[in-house]
Amino acid sequence: MDESDDAVGKKDLFDAPWLLGDDLIEADESTWYVPTRWLAGTPWDTGVELGLNGSAGNNESLSIRTGGYMKRKSRFSKLDYSIYYNRTTTDVETTQNNATSDIRNDWLLDDSSPWSLFAKANLFYDEFQAFDLQTNGNSGVGFQMFKDPAVDLTVRAGGGASRELGGPDNEWTPEALFGFEYEQKVHDTQKFFANFEYYPQFSDFGKYRLVVDGGWEIELVQPANMSLKISANDRFDSTSFDADPHLVNYSVLLLLKL
């Protein structure tokens, strides 16, 4: 190859469609190794929430609840992340101060199969609990029992471990996981959702944690990217020592979808 051929080759290389960003899809839909392809048309669903909520447990009062979520769904994977913070002050006294962060990824075995594999992790902080930070990680299998435009029901089973950092029982505790995730669209602009998770200890099923969450979401006409969300959740821990085993939060939120 002479110098002129080499120059032409270099020109073709730098004019290649896979280096042009927006023209990437026209070049090759399957070029996964091109970094700009990873963000092209990525189906992210994100939102932030803000509203009033109440708590019943160690303290009873009105407070502020804020948080948000990020979801990403592709052909063989579903990522779901959320974070929420609750704080209540009465006069100059703080009566509620807790936060939780959840992340779960479901790997679909096949786009036509109801079976999936999942891994999830949770961090939970509560100023009024006996521990500084509670963390747990679990993995297992899921089965989608119903899937249509109106109803989606997935059940999950697996195992993992939890730990209460800074508490009287500061060690990893093996535990099982049984739960379900349910969503039903009752109207074009309204949907109902419910989640249930049961974490019994492998060594003693009489010691367990429950996480229950449910609510109603109503899309507003104006602005089009906002919804009204009414929800309630309860975290129950049978080994909560001197603290109330129930932490109940109920809220009316405005949800802004980004």
C-alpha atoms as a PDB file:
ATOM      1  CA  MET A   1       0.000   0.000   0.000  1.00  0.00           C
ATOM      2  CA  ASP A   2       1.472   3.413  -0.999  1.00  0.00           C
ATOM      3  CA  GLU A   3       1.150   6.640   1.009  1.00  0.00           C
ATOM      4  CA  SER A   4      -1.944   7.773  -0.968  1.00  0.00           C
ATOM      5  CA  ASP A   5      -3.798   4.536  -0.153  1.00  0.00           C
ATOM      6  CA  ASP A   6      -2.840   4.882   3.506  1.00  0.00           C
ATOM      7  CA  ALA A   7      -4.202   8.426   3.585  1.00  0.00           C
ATOM      8  CA  VAL A   8      -7.494   7.293   2.066  1.00  0.00           C
ATOM      9  CA  GLY A   9      -7.751   4.502   4.639  1.00  0.00           C
ATOM     10  CA  LYS A  10      -7.257   6.943   7.503  1.00  0.00           C
ATOM     11  CA  LYS A  11      -9.877   9.291   6.053  1.00  0.00           C
ATOM     12  CA  ASP A  12     -12.402   6.461   5.776  1.00  0.00           C
ATOM     13  CA  LEU A  13     -11.677   5.468   9.377  1.00  0.00           C
ATOM     14  CA  PHE A  14     -12.398   8.908  10.800  1.00  0.00           C
ATOM     15  CA  ASP A  15     -15.449   9.386   8.610  1.00  0.00           C
ATOM     16  CA  ALA A  16     -16.896   6.046   9.741  1.00  0.00           C
ATOM     17  CA  PRO A  17     -20.550   6.313  10.891  1.00  0.00           C
ATOM     18  CA  TRP A  18     -19.824   4.670  14.254  1.00  0.00           C
ATOM     19  CA  LEU A  19     -17.856   7.787  15.254  1.00  0.00           C
ATOM     20  CA  LEU A  20     -20.676  10.205  14.425  1.00  0.00           C
ATOM     21  CA  GLY A  21     -22.838   9.751  17.548  1.00  0.00           C
ATOM     22  CA  ASP A  22     -26.310  10.464  16.124  1.00  0.00           C
ATOM     23  CA  ASP A  23     -25.563   8.348  13.038  1.00  0.00           C
ATOM     24  CA  LEU A  24     -24.606   5.377  15.190  1.00  0.00           C
ATOM     25  CA  ILE A  25     -27.885   3.523  14.813  1.00  0.00           C
ATOM     26  CA  GLU A  26     -27.771   3.889  11.057  1.00  0.00           C
ATOM     27  CA  ALA A  27     -24.341   2.252  11.056  1.00  0.00           C
ATOM     28  CA  ASP A  28     -25.136  -0.877  13.019  1.00  0.00           C
ATOM     29  CA  GLU A  29     -27.791  -1.543  15.672  1.00  0.00           C
ATOM     30  CA  SER A  30     -25.706  -4.318  17.219  1.00  0.00           C
ATOM     31  CA  THR A  31     -22.422  -2.447  17.796  1.00  0.00           C
ATOM     32  CA  TRP A  32     -22.586  -2.815  21.567  1.00  0.00           C
ATOM     33  CA  TYR A  33     -18.851  -2.196  21.936  1.00  0.00           C
ATOM     34  CA  VAL A  34     -19.211   1.457  20.873  1.00  0.00           C
ATOM     35  CA  PRO A  35     -19.602   3.541  24.084  1.00  0.00           C
ATOM     36  CA  THR A  36     -22.037   6.063  22.544  1.00  0.00           C
ATOM     37  CA  ARG A  37     -24.363   3.168  21.666  1.00  0.00           C
ATOM     38  CA  TRP A  38     -24.961   2.469  25.371  1.00  0.00           C
ATOM     39  CA  LEU A  39     -26.920   5.724  25.839  1.00  0.00           C
ATOM     40  CA  ALA A  40     -28.700   5.793  22.465  1.00  0.00           C
ATOM     41  CA  GLY A  41     -32.411   5.402  23.126  1.00  0.00           C
ATOM     42  CA  THR A  42     -31.886   4.039  26.654  1.00  0.00           C
ATOM     43  CA  PRO A  43     -35.382   3.569  28.183  1.00  0.00           C
ATOM     44  CA  TRP A  44     -34.830   5.354  31.513  1.00  0.00           C
ATOM     45  CA  ASP A  45     -37.846   6.218  33.670  1.00  0.00           C
ATOM     46  CA  THR A  46     -37.039   8.678  36.471  1.00  0.00           C
ATOM     47  CA  GLY A  47     -39.034  10.800  38.892  1.00  0.00           C
ATOM     48  CA  VAL A  48     -38.872  12.814  42.112  1.00  0.00           C
ATOM     49  CA  GLU A  49     -41.494  12.964  44.871  1.00  0.00           C
ATOM     50  CA  LEU A  50     -42.368  15.476  47.566  1.00  0.00           C
ATOM     51  CA  GLY A  51     -45.266  15.629  49.982  1.00  0.00           C
ATOM     52  CA  LEU A  52     -46.724  15.308  53.454  1.00  0.00           C
ATOM     53  CA  ASN A  53     -46.757  12.092  55.413  1.00  0.00           C
ATOM     54  CA  GLY A  54     -47.605  10.799  58.867  1.00  0.00           C
ATOM     55  CA  SER A  55     -45.928   8.241  61.077  1.00  0.00           C
ATOM     56  CA  ALA A  56     -47.307   5.842  63.660  1.00  0.00           C
ATOM     57  CA  GLY A  57     -44.928   3.937  65.864  1.00  0.00           C
ATOM     58  CA  ASN A  58     -42.427   5.422  68.259  1.00  0.00           C
ATOM     59  CA  ASN A  59     -43.844   8.854  67.417  1.00  0.00           C
ATOM     60  CA  GLU A  60     -47.031  10.141  65.826  1.00  0.00           C
ATOM     61  CA  SER A  61     -46.950  13.398  63.876  1.00  0.00           C
ATOM     62  CA  LEU A  62     -46.977  15.013  60.450  1.00  0.00           C
ATOM     63  CA  SER A  63     -43.792  15.292  58.467  1.00  0.00           C
ATOM     64  CA  ILE A  64     -42.125  15.771  55.103  1.00  0.00           C
ATOM     65  CA  ARG A  65     -41.360  12.885  52.771  1.00  0.00           C
ATOM     66  CA  THR A  66     -39.133  13.284  49.741  1.00  0.00           C
ATOM     67  CA  GLY A  67     -37.336  10.935  47.392  1.00  0.00           C
ATOM     68  CA  GLY A  68     -37.162   9.602  43.894  1.00  0.00           C
ATOM     69  CA  TYR A  69     -36.650   6.605  41.659  1.00  0.00           C
ATOM     70  CA  MET A  70     -34.827   5.441  38.555  1.00  0.00           C
ATOM     71  CA  LYS A  71     -35.915   2.538  36.377  1.00  0.00           C
ATOM     72  CA  ARG A  72     -34.415   1.044  33.260  1.00  0.00           C
ATOM     73  CA  LYS A  73     -35.922  -1.754  31.200  1.00  0.00           C
ATOM     74  CA  SER A  74     -34.213  -3.501  28.321  1.00  0.00           C
ATOM     75  CA  ARG A  75     -34.861  -6.773  26.533  1.00  0.00           C
ATOM     76  CA  PHE A  76     -33.272  -9.021  29.165  1.00  0.00           C
ATOM     77  CA  SER A  77     -32.904  -6.805  32.240  1.00  0.00           C
ATOM     78  CA  LYS A  78     -34.950  -4.582  34.559  1.00  0.00           C
ATOM     79  CA  LEU A  79     -33.229  -2.188  36.979  1.00  0.00           C
ATOM     80  CA  ASP A  80     -35.219  -0.532  39.776  1.00  0.00           C
ATOM     81  CA  TYR A  81     -33.684   1.961  42.228  1.00  0.00           C
ATOM     82  CA  SER A  82     -35.414   4.186  44.788  1.00  0.00           C
ATOM     83  CA  ILE A  83     -34.448   6.379  47.718  1.00  0.00           C
ATOM     84  CA  TYR A  84     -36.699   8.085  50.297  1.00  0.00           C
ATOM     85  CA  TYR A  85     -36.162  10.337  53.290  1.00  0.00           C
ATOM     86  CA  ASN A  86     -38.605  11.187  56.100  1.00  0.00           C
ATOM     87  CA  ARG A  87     -38.114  13.886  58.707  1.00  0.00           C
ATOM     88  CA  THR A  88     -40.469  15.275  61.325  1.00  0.00           C
ATOM     89  CA  THR A  89     -39.896  18.065  63.819  1.00  0.00           C
ATOM     90  CA  THR A  90     -42.281  19.148  66.570  1.00  0.00           C
ATOM     91  CA  ASP A  91     -41.325  22.603  67.751  1.00  0.00           C
ATOM     92  CA  VAL A  92     -37.546  22.158  68.177  1.00  0.00           C
ATOM     93  CA  GLU A  93     -37.644  18.375  68.685  1.00  0.00           C
ATOM     94  CA  THR A  94     -36.977  15.853  65.958  1.00  0.00           C
ATOM     95  CA  THR A  95     -39.455  13.004  66.265  1.00  0.00           C
ATOM     96  CA  GLN A  96     -38.812  11.193  62.981  1.00  0.00           C
ATOM     97  CA  ASN A  97     -35.627  10.889  60.979  1.00  0.00           C
ATOM     98  CA  ASN A  98     -35.191   7.898  58.661  1.00  0.00           C
ATOM     99  CA  ALA A  99     -34.122   7.045  55.144  1.00  0.00           C
ATOM    100  CA  THR A 100     -34.131   3.986  52.942  1.00  0.00           C
ATOM    101  CA  SER A 101     -32.445   3.056  49.677  1.00  0.00           C
ATOM    102  CA  ASP A 102     -33.405   0.050  47.528  1.00  0.00           C
ATOM    103  CA  ILE A 103     -31.873  -1.356  44.368  1.00  0.00           C
ATOM    104  CA  ARG A 104     -32.920  -4.485  42.475  1.00  0.00           C
ATOM    105  CA  ASN A 105     -32.032  -5.934  39.108  1.00  0.00           C
ATOM    106  CA  ASP A 106     -34.028  -8.672  37.379  1.00  0.00           C
ATOM    107  CA  TRP A 107     -32.400 -10.690  34.614  1.00  0.00           C
ATOM    108  CA  LEU A 108     -34.978 -12.140  32.239  1.00  0.00           C
ATOM    109  CA  LEU A 109     -34.031 -15.610  31.067  1.00  0.00           C
ATOM    110  CA  ASP A 110     -35.900 -15.122  27.791  1.00  0.00           C
ATOM    111  CA  ASP A 111     -38.253 -12.457  26.482  1.00  0.00           C
ATOM    112  CA  SER A 112     -41.029 -15.069  26.289  1.00  0.00           C
ATOM    113  CA  SER A 113     -40.253 -16.835  29.600  1.00  0.00           C
ATOM    114  CA  PRO A 114     -41.929 -15.881  32.903  1.00  0.00           C
ATOM    115  CA  TRP A 115     -38.803 -16.890  34.877  1.00  0.00           C
ATOM    116  CA  SER A 116     -36.101 -14.461  35.965  1.00  0.00           C
ATOM    117  CA  LEU A 117     -33.123 -14.145  38.295  1.00  0.00           C
ATOM    118  CA  PHE A 118     -32.799 -11.204  40.660  1.00  0.00           C
ATOM    119  CA  ALA A 119     -30.380  -9.553  43.067  1.00  0.00           C
ATOM    120  CA  LYS A 120     -31.316  -6.775  45.469  1.00  0.00           C
ATOM    121  CA  ALA A 121     -29.815  -4.693  48.251  1.00  0.00           C
ATOM    122  CA  ASN A 122     -31.248  -2.326  50.845  1.00  0.00           C
ATOM    123  CA  LEU A 123     -29.894   0.291  53.240  1.00  0.00           C
ATOM    124  CA  PHE A 124     -32.087   1.591  56.067  1.00  0.00           C
ATOM    125  CA  TYR A 125     -31.337   4.336  58.609  1.00  0.00           C
ATOM    126  CA  ASP A 126     -33.541   5.346  61.535  1.00  0.00           C
ATOM    127  CA  GLU A 127     -32.401   7.649  64.313  1.00  0.00           C
ATOM    128  CA  PHE A 128     -34.813   6.009  66.770  1.00  0.00           C
ATOM    129  CA  GLN A 129     -33.776   2.396  66.216  1.00  0.00           C
ATOM    130  CA  ALA A 130     -31.220   0.485  68.282  1.00  0.00           C
ATOM    131  CA  PHE A 131     -28.804   0.286  65.321  1.00  0.00           C
ATOM    132  CA  ASP A 132     -26.981   2.925  63.279  1.00  0.00           C
ATOM    133  CA  LEU A 133     -27.589   1.347  59.865  1.00  0.00           C
ATOM    134  CA  GLN A 134     -29.381  -1.775  58.672  1.00  0.00           C
ATOM    135  CA  THR A 135     -28.262  -3.414  55.446  1.00  0.00           C
ATOM    136  CA  ASN A 136     -29.243  -6.573  53.609  1.00  0.00           C
ATOM    137  CA  GLY A 137     -28.538  -8.296  50.304  1.00  0.00           C
ATOM    138  CA  ASN A 138     -30.558 -11.057  48.657  1.00  0.00           C
ATOM    139  CA  SER A 139     -30.777 -12.977  45.409  1.00  0.00           C
ATOM    140  CA  GLY A 140     -33.037 -15.659  43.989  1.00  0.00           C
ATOM    141  CA  VAL A 141     -35.597 -16.451  41.310  1.00  0.00           C
ATOM    142  CA  GLY A 142     -38.749 -14.692  40.178  1.00  0.00           C
ATOM    143  CA  PHE A 143     -41.825 -15.864  38.325  1.00  0.00           C
ATOM    144  CA  GLN A 144     -44.208 -13.540  36.475  1.00  0.00           C
ATOM    145  CA  MET A 145     -47.662 -14.976  37.094  1.00  0.00           C
ATOM    146  CA  PHE A 146     -49.627 -12.365  35.135  1.00  0.00           C
ATOM    147  CA  LYS A 147     -48.470  -9.966  32.454  1.00  0.00           C
ATOM    148  CA  ASP A 148     -50.873  -7.960  30.332  1.00  0.00           C
ATOM    149  CA  PRO A 149     -51.592  -4.252  29.771  1.00  0.00           C
ATOM    150  CA  ALA A 150     -53.757  -4.145  32.918  1.00  0.00           C
ATOM    151  CA  VAL A 151     -52.185  -6.551  35.455  1.00  0.00           C
ATOM    152  CA  ASP A 152     -48.582  -7.394  36.337  1.00  0.00           C
ATOM    153  CA  LEU A 153     -47.837  -9.836  39.184  1.00  0.00           C
ATOM    154  CA  THR A 154     -44.371 -11.231  39.943  1.00  0.00           C
ATOM    155  CA  VAL A 155     -43.523 -13.509  42.873  1.00  0.00           C
ATOM    156  CA  ARG A 156     -39.962 -13.960  44.182  1.00  0.00           C
ATOM    157  CA  ALA A 157     -38.108 -16.359  46.470  1.00  0.00           C
ATOM    158  CA  GLY A 158     -34.494 -16.412  47.515  1.00  0.00           C
ATOM    159  CA  GLY A 159     -32.074 -15.858  50.346  1.00  0.00           C
ATOM    160  CA  GLY A 160     -29.304 -13.661  51.644  1.00  0.00           C
ATOM    161  CA  ALA A 161     -28.190 -11.989  54.838  1.00  0.00           C
ATOM    162  CA  SER A 162     -28.783  -8.820  56.868  1.00  0.00           C
ATOM    163  CA  ARG A 163     -26.778  -6.902  59.424  1.00  0.00           C
ATOM    164  CA  GLU A 164     -27.552  -4.128  61.916  1.00  0.00           C
ATOM    165  CA  LEU A 165     -24.403  -2.017  62.103  1.00  0.00           C
ATOM    166  CA  GLY A 166     -23.806  -0.316  65.433  1.00  0.00           C
ATOM    167  CA  GLY A 167     -26.595  -2.267  67.147  1.00  0.00           C
ATOM    168  CA  PRO A 168     -26.636  -4.865  69.924  1.00  0.00           C
ATOM    169  CA  ASP A 169     -26.695  -7.671  67.313  1.00  0.00           C
ATOM    170  CA  ASN A 170     -23.946  -6.444  64.995  1.00  0.00           C
ATOM    171  CA  GLU A 171     -23.332  -9.541  62.857  1.00  0.00           C
ATOM    172  CA  TRP A 172     -24.509 -11.007  59.569  1.00  0.00           C
ATOM    173  CA  THR A 173     -27.757 -12.994  59.922  1.00  0.00           C
ATOM    174  CA  PRO A 174     -28.681 -15.482  57.138  1.00  0.00           C
ATOM    175  CA  GLU A 175     -32.289 -15.092  56.048  1.00  0.00           C
ATOM    176  CA  ALA A 176     -34.750 -16.216  53.409  1.00  0.00           C
ATOM    177  CA  LEU A 177     -36.859 -13.974  51.200  1.00  0.00           C
ATOM    178  CA  PHE A 178     -40.425 -14.498  49.967  1.00  0.00           C
ATOM    179  CA  GLY A 179     -42.425 -11.747  48.328  1.00  0.00           C
ATOM    180  CA  PHE A 180     -44.440 -10.388  45.444  1.00  0.00           C
ATOM    181  CA  GLU A 181     -44.782  -7.239  43.363  1.00  0.00           C
ATOM    182  CA  TYR A 182     -48.243  -6.338  42.040  1.00  0.00           C
ATOM    183  CA  GLU A 183     -49.425  -3.551  39.757  1.00  0.00           C
ATOM    184  CA  GLN A 184     -52.851  -3.050  38.210  1.00  0.00           C
ATOM    185  CA  LYS A 185     -54.003  -0.347  35.854  1.00  0.00           C
ATOM    186  CA  VAL A 186     -57.604   0.443  36.788  1.00  0.00           C
ATOM    187  CA  HIS A 187     -57.966   3.361  34.385  1.00  0.00           C
ATOM    188  CA  ASP A 188     -55.990   5.012  31.620  1.00  0.00           C
ATOM    189  CA  THR A 189     -54.686   7.530  34.167  1.00  0.00           C
ATOM    190  CA  GLN A 190     -54.792   5.497  37.398  1.00  0.00           C
ATOM    191  CA  LYS A 191     -52.962   2.481  38.780  1.00  0.00           C
ATOM    192  CA  PHE A 192     -52.758   0.537  42.024  1.00  0.00           C
ATOM    193  CA  PHE A 193     -49.520  -1.036  43.299  1.00  0.00           C
ATOM    194  CA  ALA A 194     -48.542  -3.288  46.207  1.00  0.00           C
ATOM    195  CA  ASN A 195     -45.269  -4.891  47.305  1.00  0.00           C
ATOM    196  CA  PHE A 196     -44.707  -7.476  50.016  1.00  0.00           C
ATOM    197  CA  GLU A 197     -41.405  -8.890  51.343  1.00  0.00           C
ATOM    198  CA  TYR A 198     -41.005 -11.435  54.153  1.00  0.00           C
ATOM    199  CA  TYR A 199     -37.523 -12.059  55.596  1.00  0.00           C
ATOM    200  CA  PRO A 200     -37.432 -14.942  58.125  1.00  0.00           C
ATOM    201  CA  GLN A 201     -34.145 -15.975  59.720  1.00  0.00           C
ATOM    202  CA  PHE A 202     -32.941 -19.393  58.580  1.00  0.00           C
ATOM    203  CA  SER A 203     -32.129 -20.381  62.158  1.00  0.00           C
ATOM    204  CA  ASP A 204     -35.543 -19.356  63.556  1.00  0.00           C
ATOM    205  CA  PHE A 205     -38.535 -18.482  61.341  1.00  0.00           C
ATOM    206  CA  GLY A 206     -40.148 -16.872  64.403  1.00  0.00           C
ATOM    207  CA  LYS A 207     -37.648 -14.027  64.005  1.00  0.00           C
ATOM    208  CA  TYR A 208     -38.398 -12.088  60.861  1.00  0.00           C
ATOM    209  CA  ARG A 209     -38.789  -8.763  59.107  1.00  0.00           C
ATOM    210  CA  LEU A 210     -41.692  -7.590  56.946  1.00  0.00           C
ATOM    211  CA  VAL A 211     -41.694  -4.774  54.407  1.00  0.00           C
ATOM    212  CA  VAL A 212     -45.138  -3.897  53.009  1.00  0.00           C
ATOM    213  CA  ASP A 213     -45.836  -1.061  50.594  1.00  0.00           C
ATOM    214  CA  GLY A 214     -48.944  -0.071  48.657  1.00  0.00           C
ATOM    215  CA  GLY A 215     -50.622   2.899  47.071  1.00  0.00           C
ATOM    216  CA  TRP A 216     -52.563   4.616  44.318  1.00  0.00           C
ATOM    217  CA  GLU A 217     -51.152   6.790  41.538  1.00  0.00           C
ATOM    218  CA  ILE A 218     -53.269   9.241  39.535  1.00  0.00           C
ATOM    219  CA  GLU A 219     -51.879  11.063  36.501  1.00  0.00           C
ATOM    220  CA  LEU A 220     -52.787  14.751  36.390  1.00  0.00           C
ATOM    221  CA  VAL A 221     -54.097  16.399  33.249  1.00  0.00           C
ATOM    222  CA  GLN A 222     -51.944  19.498  33.707  1.00  0.00           C
ATOM    223  CA  PRO A 223     -48.998  19.457  33.898  1.00  0.00           C
ATOM    224  CA  ALA A 224     -48.810  16.223  31.932  1.00  0.00           C
ATOM    225  CA  ASN A 225     -45.674  14.921  33.647  1.00  0.00           C
ATOM    226  CA  MET A 226     -47.061  15.107  37.200  1.00  0.00           C
ATOM    227  CA  SER A 227     -49.076  12.591  39.236  1.00  0.00           C
ATOM    228  CA  LEU A 228     -50.760  12.452  42.610  1.00  0.00           C
ATOM    229  CA  LYS A 229     -49.526   9.502  44.659  1.00  0.00           C
ATOM    230  CA  ILE A 230     -51.188   8.185  47.819  1.00  0.00           C
ATOM    231  CA  SER A 231     -49.154   5.522  49.594  1.00  0.00           C
ATOM    232  CA  ALA A 232     -48.530   3.720  52.867  1.00  0.00           C
ATOM    233  CA  ASN A 233     -45.755   1.399  53.979  1.00  0.00           C
ATOM    234  CA  ASP A 234     -44.843  -0.570  57.082  1.00  0.00           C
ATOM    235  CA  ARG A 235     -41.484  -1.971  58.166  1.00  0.00           C
ATOM    236  CA  PHE A 236     -41.889  -4.590  60.891  1.00  0.00           C
ATOM    237  CA  ASP A 237     -38.995  -6.147  62.818  1.00  0.00           C
ATOM    238  CA  SER A 238     -39.702  -8.829  65.419  1.00  0.00           C
ATOM    239  CA  THR A 239     -36.226  -8.271  66.916  1.00  0.00           C
ATOM    240  CA  SER A 240     -36.441  -4.508  67.401  1.00  0.00           C
ATOM    241  CA  PHE A 241     -35.374  -4.632  71.082  1.00  0.00           C
ATOM    242  CA  ASP A 242     -36.779  -1.568  72.941  1.00  0.00           C
ATOM    243  CA  ALA A 243     -38.002   0.221  69.808  1.00  0.00           C
ATOM    244  CA  ASP A 244     -41.511  -0.153  68.385  1.00  0.00           C
ATOM    245  CA  PRO A 245     -41.474  -3.126  65.961  1.00  0.00           C
ATOM    246  CA  HIS A 246     -43.619  -1.203  63.456  1.00  0.00           C
ATOM    247  CA  LEU A 247     -42.509   1.830  61.470  1.00  0.00           C
ATOM    248  CA  VAL A 248     -45.548   3.035  59.517  1.00  0.00           C
ATOM    249  CA  ASN A 249     -45.464   5.876  57.004  1.00  0.00           C
ATOM    250  CA  TYR A 250     -48.427   7.150  55.029  1.00  0.00           C
ATOM    251  CA  SER A 251     -48.210  10.004  52.569  1.00  0.00           C
ATOM    252  CA  VAL A 252     -49.820  12.110  49.867  1.00  0.00           C
ATOM    253  CA  LEU A 253     -47.185  13.057  47.317  1.00  0.00           C
ATOM    254  CA  LEU A 254     -46.738  14.960  44.108  1.00  0.00           C
ATOM    255  CA  LEU A 255     -44.717  12.889  41.659  1.00  0.00           C
ATOM    256  CA  LEU A 256     -42.766  14.683  38.939  1.00  0.00           C
ATOM    257  CA  LYS A 257     -41.609  12.422  36.111  1.00  0.00           C
ATOM    258  CA  LEU A 258     -38.412  13.607  34.459  1.00  0.00           C
END
